[in-house]
Amino acid sequence: TSNAIGSSGSIFIVQDGTGGRTASFESAYKFPGGTAPTLSTSANAVDRLDFIVRAADNVHCVVTLDVK
């Protein structure tokens, strides 16, 4: 993501046909409740991460799981 304050966008995280892939997030990514979500691992699953950069080390994120 761009680290310009106020930048925002969406990142689509797509599992391949096998599934089971995982992701990790650096400490700048902040999630509701302070814990990064467990992403969908089913084959071909699609999760969407929406973000806005509050500061270079503070990116507010919300994840919508298993979008169909």
PDB file of N, CA and C in Angstrom:
ATOM      1  N   THR A   1       0.834  -1.187   0.000  1.00  0.00           N
ATOM      2  CA  THR A   1       0.000   0.000   0.000  1.00  0.00           C
ATOM      3  C   THR A   1       0.877   1.248   0.000  1.00  0.00           C
ATOM      4  N   SER A   2       0.332   2.331  -0.478  1.00  0.00           N
ATOM      5  CA  SER A   2       1.019   3.611  -0.404  1.00  0.00           C
ATOM      6  C   SER A   2       0.974   4.078   1.035  1.00  0.00           C
ATOM      7  N   ASN A   3       2.033   4.726   1.526  1.00  0.00           N
ATOM      8  CA  ASN A   3       2.015   5.177   2.908  1.00  0.00           C
ATOM      9  C   ASN A   3       1.670   6.651   3.035  1.00  0.00           C
ATOM     10  N   ALA A   4       1.134   7.279   1.975  1.00  0.00           N
ATOM     11  CA  ALA A   4       0.721   8.671   2.051  1.00  0.00           C
ATOM     12  C   ALA A   4      -0.515   8.783   2.944  1.00  0.00           C
ATOM     13  N   ILE A   5      -0.438   9.661   3.928  1.00  0.00           N
ATOM     14  CA  ILE A   5      -1.554   9.840   4.847  1.00  0.00           C
ATOM     15  C   ILE A   5      -2.818  10.171   4.057  1.00  0.00           C
ATOM     16  N   GLY A   6      -3.899   9.491   4.388  1.00  0.00           N
ATOM     17  CA  GLY A   6      -5.169   9.663   3.705  1.00  0.00           C
ATOM     18  C   GLY A   6      -5.383   8.711   2.544  1.00  0.00           C
ATOM     19  N   SER A   7      -4.333   8.021   2.117  1.00  0.00           N
ATOM     20  CA  SER A   7      -4.494   7.028   1.048  1.00  0.00           C
ATOM     21  C   SER A   7      -5.442   5.939   1.525  1.00  0.00           C
ATOM     22  N   SER A   8      -6.226   5.429   0.620  1.00  0.00           N
ATOM     23  CA  SER A   8      -7.149   4.355   0.978  1.00  0.00           C
ATOM     24  C   SER A   8      -7.345   3.456  -0.226  1.00  0.00           C
ATOM     25  N   GLY A   9      -7.910   2.297   0.037  1.00  0.00           N
ATOM     26  CA  GLY A   9      -8.167   1.387  -1.056  1.00  0.00           C
ATOM     27  C   GLY A   9      -8.597   0.031  -0.554  1.00  0.00           C
ATOM     28  N   SER A  10      -8.638  -0.903  -1.467  1.00  0.00           N
ATOM     29  CA  SER A  10      -9.012  -2.282  -1.162  1.00  0.00           C
ATOM     30  C   SER A  10      -7.972  -3.212  -1.746  1.00  0.00           C
ATOM     31  N   ILE A  11      -7.705  -4.286  -1.029  1.00  0.00           N
ATOM     32  CA  ILE A  11      -6.821  -5.339  -1.497  1.00  0.00           C
ATOM     33  C   ILE A  11      -7.634  -6.623  -1.495  1.00  0.00           C
ATOM     34  N   PHE A  12      -7.685  -7.297  -2.629  1.00  0.00           N
ATOM     35  CA  PHE A  12      -8.390  -8.567  -2.717  1.00  0.00           C
ATOM     36  C   PHE A  12      -7.383  -9.686  -2.505  1.00  0.00           C
ATOM     37  N   ILE A  13      -7.673 -10.555  -1.555  1.00  0.00           N
ATOM     38  CA  ILE A  13      -6.808 -11.683  -1.230  1.00  0.00           C
ATOM     39  C   ILE A  13      -7.532 -12.929  -1.723  1.00  0.00           C
ATOM     40  N   VAL A  14      -6.980 -13.570  -2.751  1.00  0.00           N
ATOM     41  CA  VAL A  14      -7.671 -14.652  -3.452  1.00  0.00           C
ATOM     42  C   VAL A  14      -6.885 -15.956  -3.285  1.00  0.00           C
ATOM     43  N   GLN A  15      -7.560 -16.973  -2.768  1.00  0.00           N
ATOM     44  CA  GLN A  15      -6.953 -18.301  -2.669  1.00  0.00           C
ATOM     45  C   GLN A  15      -6.910 -18.931  -4.058  1.00  0.00           C
ATOM     46  N   ASP A  16      -5.909 -19.744  -4.279  1.00  0.00           N
ATOM     47  CA  ASP A  16      -5.851 -20.482  -5.533  1.00  0.00           C
ATOM     48  C   ASP A  16      -6.768 -21.703  -5.462  1.00  0.00           C
ATOM     49  N   GLY A  17      -6.739 -22.548  -6.464  1.00  0.00           N
ATOM     50  CA  GLY A  17      -7.622 -23.703  -6.522  1.00  0.00           C
ATOM     51  C   GLY A  17      -7.344 -24.755  -5.459  1.00  0.00           C
ATOM     52  N   THR A  18      -6.194 -24.671  -4.828  1.00  0.00           N
ATOM     53  CA  THR A  18      -5.860 -25.604  -3.752  1.00  0.00           C
ATOM     54  C   THR A  18      -6.321 -25.075  -2.406  1.00  0.00           C
ATOM     55  N   GLY A  19      -6.174 -23.769  -2.175  1.00  0.00           N
ATOM     56  CA  GLY A  19      -6.522 -23.162  -0.890  1.00  0.00           C
ATOM     57  C   GLY A  19      -5.483 -23.459   0.171  1.00  0.00           C
ATOM     58  N   GLY A  20      -5.801 -23.073   1.395  1.00  0.00           N
ATOM     59  CA  GLY A  20      -4.909 -23.342   2.507  1.00  0.00           C
ATOM     60  C   GLY A  20      -3.775 -22.339   2.668  1.00  0.00           C
ATOM     61  N   ARG A  21      -3.732 -21.306   1.850  1.00  0.00           N
ATOM     62  CA  ARG A  21      -2.671 -20.294   1.937  1.00  0.00           C
ATOM     63  C   ARG A  21      -2.977 -19.357   3.106  1.00  0.00           C
ATOM     64  N   THR A  22      -1.933 -18.829   3.722  1.00  0.00           N
ATOM     65  CA  THR A  22      -2.108 -17.908   4.838  1.00  0.00           C
ATOM     66  C   THR A  22      -1.394 -16.597   4.535  1.00  0.00           C
ATOM     67  N   ALA A  23      -1.690 -15.582   5.312  1.00  0.00           N
ATOM     68  CA  ALA A  23      -1.045 -14.276   5.162  1.00  0.00           C
ATOM     69  C   ALA A  23      -0.707 -13.754   6.548  1.00  0.00           C
ATOM     70  N   SER A  24       0.272 -12.871   6.589  1.00  0.00           N
ATOM     71  CA  SER A  24       0.587 -12.186   7.833  1.00  0.00           C
ATOM     72  C   SER A  24       0.648 -10.693   7.531  1.00  0.00           C
ATOM     73  N   PHE A  25       0.486  -9.890   8.560  1.00  0.00           N
ATOM     74  CA  PHE A  25       0.430  -8.444   8.397  1.00  0.00           C
ATOM     75  C   PHE A  25       1.496  -7.794   9.259  1.00  0.00           C
ATOM     76  N   GLU A  26       2.164  -6.777   8.718  1.00  0.00           N
ATOM     77  CA  GLU A  26       3.160  -6.064   9.513  1.00  0.00           C
ATOM     78  C   GLU A  26       2.470  -5.243  10.599  1.00  0.00           C
ATOM     79  N   SER A  27       3.219  -4.771  11.552  1.00  0.00           N
ATOM     80  CA  SER A  27       2.652  -4.119  12.735  1.00  0.00           C
ATOM     81  C   SER A  27       1.925  -2.813  12.431  1.00  0.00           C
ATOM     82  N   ALA A  28       2.167  -2.182  11.285  1.00  0.00           N
ATOM     83  CA  ALA A  28       1.471  -0.940  10.939  1.00  0.00           C
ATOM     84  C   ALA A  28      -0.010  -1.170  10.652  1.00  0.00           C
ATOM     85  N   TYR A  29      -0.361  -2.396  10.294  1.00  0.00           N
ATOM     86  CA  TYR A  29      -1.755  -2.712   9.981  1.00  0.00           C
ATOM     87  C   TYR A  29      -2.528  -2.902  11.281  1.00  0.00           C
ATOM     88  N   LYS A  30      -3.560  -2.096  11.485  1.00  0.00           N
ATOM     89  CA  LYS A  30      -4.360  -2.116  12.712  1.00  0.00           C
ATOM     90  C   LYS A  30      -5.766  -2.610  12.390  1.00  0.00           C
ATOM     91  N   PHE A  31      -6.246  -3.546  13.206  1.00  0.00           N
ATOM     92  CA  PHE A  31      -7.546  -4.168  12.981  1.00  0.00           C
ATOM     93  C   PHE A  31      -8.457  -3.930  14.178  1.00  0.00           C
ATOM     94  N   PRO A  32      -9.777  -3.970  13.979  1.00  0.00           N
ATOM     95  CA  PRO A  32     -10.701  -3.834  15.098  1.00  0.00           C
ATOM     96  C   PRO A  32     -10.365  -4.849  16.193  1.00  0.00           C
ATOM     97  N   GLY A  33     -10.338  -4.390  17.421  1.00  0.00           N
ATOM     98  CA  GLY A  33     -10.023  -5.262  18.541  1.00  0.00           C
ATOM     99  C   GLY A  33      -8.545  -5.560  18.683  1.00  0.00           C
ATOM    100  N   GLY A  34      -7.723  -5.058  17.771  1.00  0.00           N
ATOM    101  CA  GLY A  34      -6.282  -5.215  17.871  1.00  0.00           C
ATOM    102  C   GLY A  34      -5.717  -6.529  17.377  1.00  0.00           C
ATOM    103  N   THR A  35      -6.545  -7.362  16.769  1.00  0.00           N
ATOM    104  CA  THR A  35      -6.076  -8.665  16.304  1.00  0.00           C
ATOM    105  C   THR A  35      -6.365  -8.829  14.817  1.00  0.00           C
ATOM    106  N   ALA A  36      -5.352  -9.215  14.067  1.00  0.00           N
ATOM    107  CA  ALA A  36      -5.549  -9.474  12.635  1.00  0.00           C
ATOM    108  C   ALA A  36      -6.477 -10.668  12.463  1.00  0.00           C
ATOM    109  N   PRO A  37      -7.346 -10.629  11.464  1.00  0.00           N
ATOM    110  CA  PRO A  37      -8.282 -11.729  11.259  1.00  0.00           C
ATOM    111  C   PRO A  37      -7.599 -12.966  10.684  1.00  0.00           C
ATOM    112  N   THR A  38      -8.247 -14.098  10.867  1.00  0.00           N
ATOM    113  CA  THR A  38      -7.845 -15.317  10.167  1.00  0.00           C
ATOM    114  C   THR A  38      -8.549 -15.295   8.824  1.00  0.00           C
ATOM    115  N   LEU A  39      -7.786 -15.295   7.768  1.00  0.00           N
ATOM    116  CA  LEU A  39      -8.366 -15.201   6.432  1.00  0.00           C
ATOM    117  C   LEU A  39      -8.966 -16.536   5.996  1.00  0.00           C
ATOM    118  N   SER A  40      -9.862 -16.466   5.021  1.00  0.00           N
ATOM    119  CA  SER A  40     -10.491 -17.664   4.469  1.00  0.00           C
ATOM    120  C   SER A  40      -9.429 -18.537   3.815  1.00  0.00           C
ATOM    121  N   THR A  41      -9.550 -19.850   3.973  1.00  0.00           N
ATOM    122  CA  THR A  41      -8.551 -20.760   3.393  1.00  0.00           C
ATOM    123  C   THR A  41      -9.146 -21.751   2.398  1.00  0.00           C
ATOM    124  N   SER A  42     -10.438 -21.664   2.146  1.00  0.00           N
ATOM    125  CA  SER A  42     -11.063 -22.567   1.169  1.00  0.00           C
ATOM    126  C   SER A  42     -10.540 -22.276  -0.224  1.00  0.00           C
ATOM    127  N   ALA A  43     -10.503 -23.299  -1.066  1.00  0.00           N
ATOM    128  CA  ALA A  43     -10.087 -23.117  -2.450  1.00  0.00           C
ATOM    129  C   ALA A  43     -10.921 -22.028  -3.118  1.00  0.00           C
ATOM    130  N   ASN A  44     -10.259 -21.120  -3.819  1.00  0.00           N
ATOM    131  CA  ASN A  44     -10.884 -20.031  -4.579  1.00  0.00           C
ATOM    132  C   ASN A  44     -11.592 -18.996  -3.715  1.00  0.00           C
ATOM    133  N   ALA A  45     -11.400 -18.997  -2.404  1.00  0.00           N
ATOM    134  CA  ALA A  45     -12.034 -18.007  -1.526  1.00  0.00           C
ATOM    135  C   ALA A  45     -11.479 -16.619  -1.819  1.00  0.00           C
ATOM    136  N   VAL A  46     -12.337 -15.607  -1.645  1.00  0.00           N
ATOM    137  CA  VAL A  46     -11.943 -14.214  -1.852  1.00  0.00           C
ATOM    138  C   VAL A  46     -12.253 -13.432  -0.583  1.00  0.00           C
ATOM    139  N   ASP A  47     -11.238 -12.791  -0.010  1.00  0.00           N
ATOM    140  CA  ASP A  47     -11.398 -11.873   1.114  1.00  0.00           C
ATOM    141  C   ASP A  47     -11.028 -10.487   0.620  1.00  0.00           C
ATOM    142  N   ARG A  48     -11.628  -9.454   1.237  1.00  0.00           N
ATOM    143  CA  ARG A  48     -11.327  -8.071   0.836  1.00  0.00           C
ATOM    144  C   ARG A  48     -10.854  -7.295   2.053  1.00  0.00           C
ATOM    145  N   LEU A  49      -9.684  -6.678   1.948  1.00  0.00           N
ATOM    146  CA  LEU A  49      -9.141  -5.833   2.996  1.00  0.00           C
ATOM    147  C   LEU A  49      -9.280  -4.388   2.546  1.00  0.00           C
ATOM    148  N   ASP A  50     -10.040  -3.597   3.290  1.00  0.00           N
ATOM    149  CA  ASP A  50     -10.176  -2.165   3.024  1.00  0.00           C
ATOM    150  C   ASP A  50      -9.286  -1.426   4.005  1.00  0.00           C
ATOM    151  N   PHE A  51      -8.583  -0.402   3.538  1.00  0.00           N
ATOM    152  CA  PHE A  51      -7.639   0.295   4.402  1.00  0.00           C
ATOM    153  C   PHE A  51      -7.657   1.794   4.170  1.00  0.00           C
ATOM    154  N   ILE A  52      -7.210   2.526   5.191  1.00  0.00           N
ATOM    155  CA  ILE A  52      -6.932   3.955   5.083  1.00  0.00           C
ATOM    156  C   ILE A  52      -5.691   4.229   5.925  1.00  0.00           C
ATOM    157  N   VAL A  53      -4.771   5.006   5.360  1.00  0.00           N
ATOM    158  CA  VAL A  53      -3.515   5.310   6.039  1.00  0.00           C
ATOM    159  C   VAL A  53      -3.735   6.519   6.952  1.00  0.00           C
ATOM    160  N   ARG A  54      -3.609   6.281   8.245  1.00  0.00           N
ATOM    161  CA  ARG A  54      -3.743   7.359   9.239  1.00  0.00           C
ATOM    162  C   ARG A  54      -2.387   8.014   9.491  1.00  0.00           C
ATOM    163  N   ALA A  55      -1.333   7.237   9.478  1.00  0.00           N
ATOM    164  CA  ALA A  55       0.056   7.686   9.606  1.00  0.00           C
ATOM    165  C   ALA A  55       0.917   6.610   8.950  1.00  0.00           C
ATOM    166  N   ALA A  56       2.192   6.913   8.727  1.00  0.00           N
ATOM    167  CA  ALA A  56       3.065   5.953   8.049  1.00  0.00           C
ATOM    168  C   ALA A  56       3.115   4.611   8.767  1.00  0.00           C
ATOM    169  N   ASP A  57       2.937   4.631  10.087  1.00  0.00           N
ATOM    170  CA  ASP A  57       2.982   3.389  10.867  1.00  0.00           C
ATOM    171  C   ASP A  57       1.628   3.013  11.443  1.00  0.00           C
ATOM    172  N   ASN A  58       0.544   3.508  10.825  1.00  0.00           N
ATOM    173  CA  ASN A  58      -0.796   3.267  11.362  1.00  0.00           C
ATOM    174  C   ASN A  58      -1.790   3.200  10.206  1.00  0.00           C
ATOM    175  N   VAL A  59      -2.073   1.982   9.763  1.00  0.00           N
ATOM    176  CA  VAL A  59      -2.984   1.747   8.639  1.00  0.00           C
ATOM    177  C   VAL A  59      -4.216   1.036   9.185  1.00  0.00           C
ATOM    178  N   HIS A  60      -5.348   1.731   9.212  1.00  0.00           N
ATOM    179  CA  HIS A  60      -6.593   1.140   9.720  1.00  0.00           C
ATOM    180  C   HIS A  60      -7.171   0.203   8.669  1.00  0.00           C
ATOM    181  N   CYS A  61      -7.519  -1.018   9.102  1.00  0.00           N
ATOM    182  CA  CYS A  61      -7.978  -2.039   8.179  1.00  0.00           C
ATOM    183  C   CYS A  61      -9.270  -2.710   8.667  1.00  0.00           C
ATOM    184  N   VAL A  62     -10.091  -3.076   7.716  1.00  0.00           N
ATOM    185  CA  VAL A  62     -11.278  -3.884   7.972  1.00  0.00           C
ATOM    186  C   VAL A  62     -11.297  -4.965   6.898  1.00  0.00           C
ATOM    187  N   VAL A  63     -11.554  -6.209   7.299  1.00  0.00           N
ATOM    188  CA  VAL A  63     -11.564  -7.309   6.348  1.00  0.00           C
ATOM    189  C   VAL A  63     -12.967  -7.886   6.237  1.00  0.00           C
ATOM    190  N   THR A  64     -13.403  -8.098   5.004  1.00  0.00           N
ATOM    191  CA  THR A  64     -14.647  -8.790   4.724  1.00  0.00           C
ATOM    192  C   THR A  64     -14.261 -10.177   4.212  1.00  0.00           C
ATOM    193  N   LEU A  65     -14.686 -11.206   4.922  1.00  0.00           N
ATOM    194  CA  LEU A  65     -14.270 -12.572   4.615  1.00  0.00           C
ATOM    195  C   LEU A  65     -15.219 -13.275   3.657  1.00  0.00           C
ATOM    196  N   ASP A  66     -14.668 -14.128   2.817  1.00  0.00           N
ATOM    197  CA  ASP A  66     -15.402 -15.045   1.961  1.00  0.00           C
ATOM    198  C   ASP A  66     -16.469 -14.351   1.127  1.00  0.00           C
ATOM    199  N   VAL A  67     -16.041 -13.340   0.382  1.00  0.00           N
ATOM    200  CA  VAL A  67     -16.969 -12.604  -0.476  1.00  0.00           C
ATOM    201  C   VAL A  67     -17.358 -13.489  -1.652  1.00  0.00           C
ATOM    202  N   LYS A  68     -18.677 -13.613  -1.891  1.00  0.00           N
ATOM    203  CA  LYS A  68     -19.161 -14.461  -2.981  1.00  0.00           C
ATOM    204  C   LYS A  68     -20.087 -13.694  -3.878  1.00  0.00           C
TER     205      LYS A  68
END
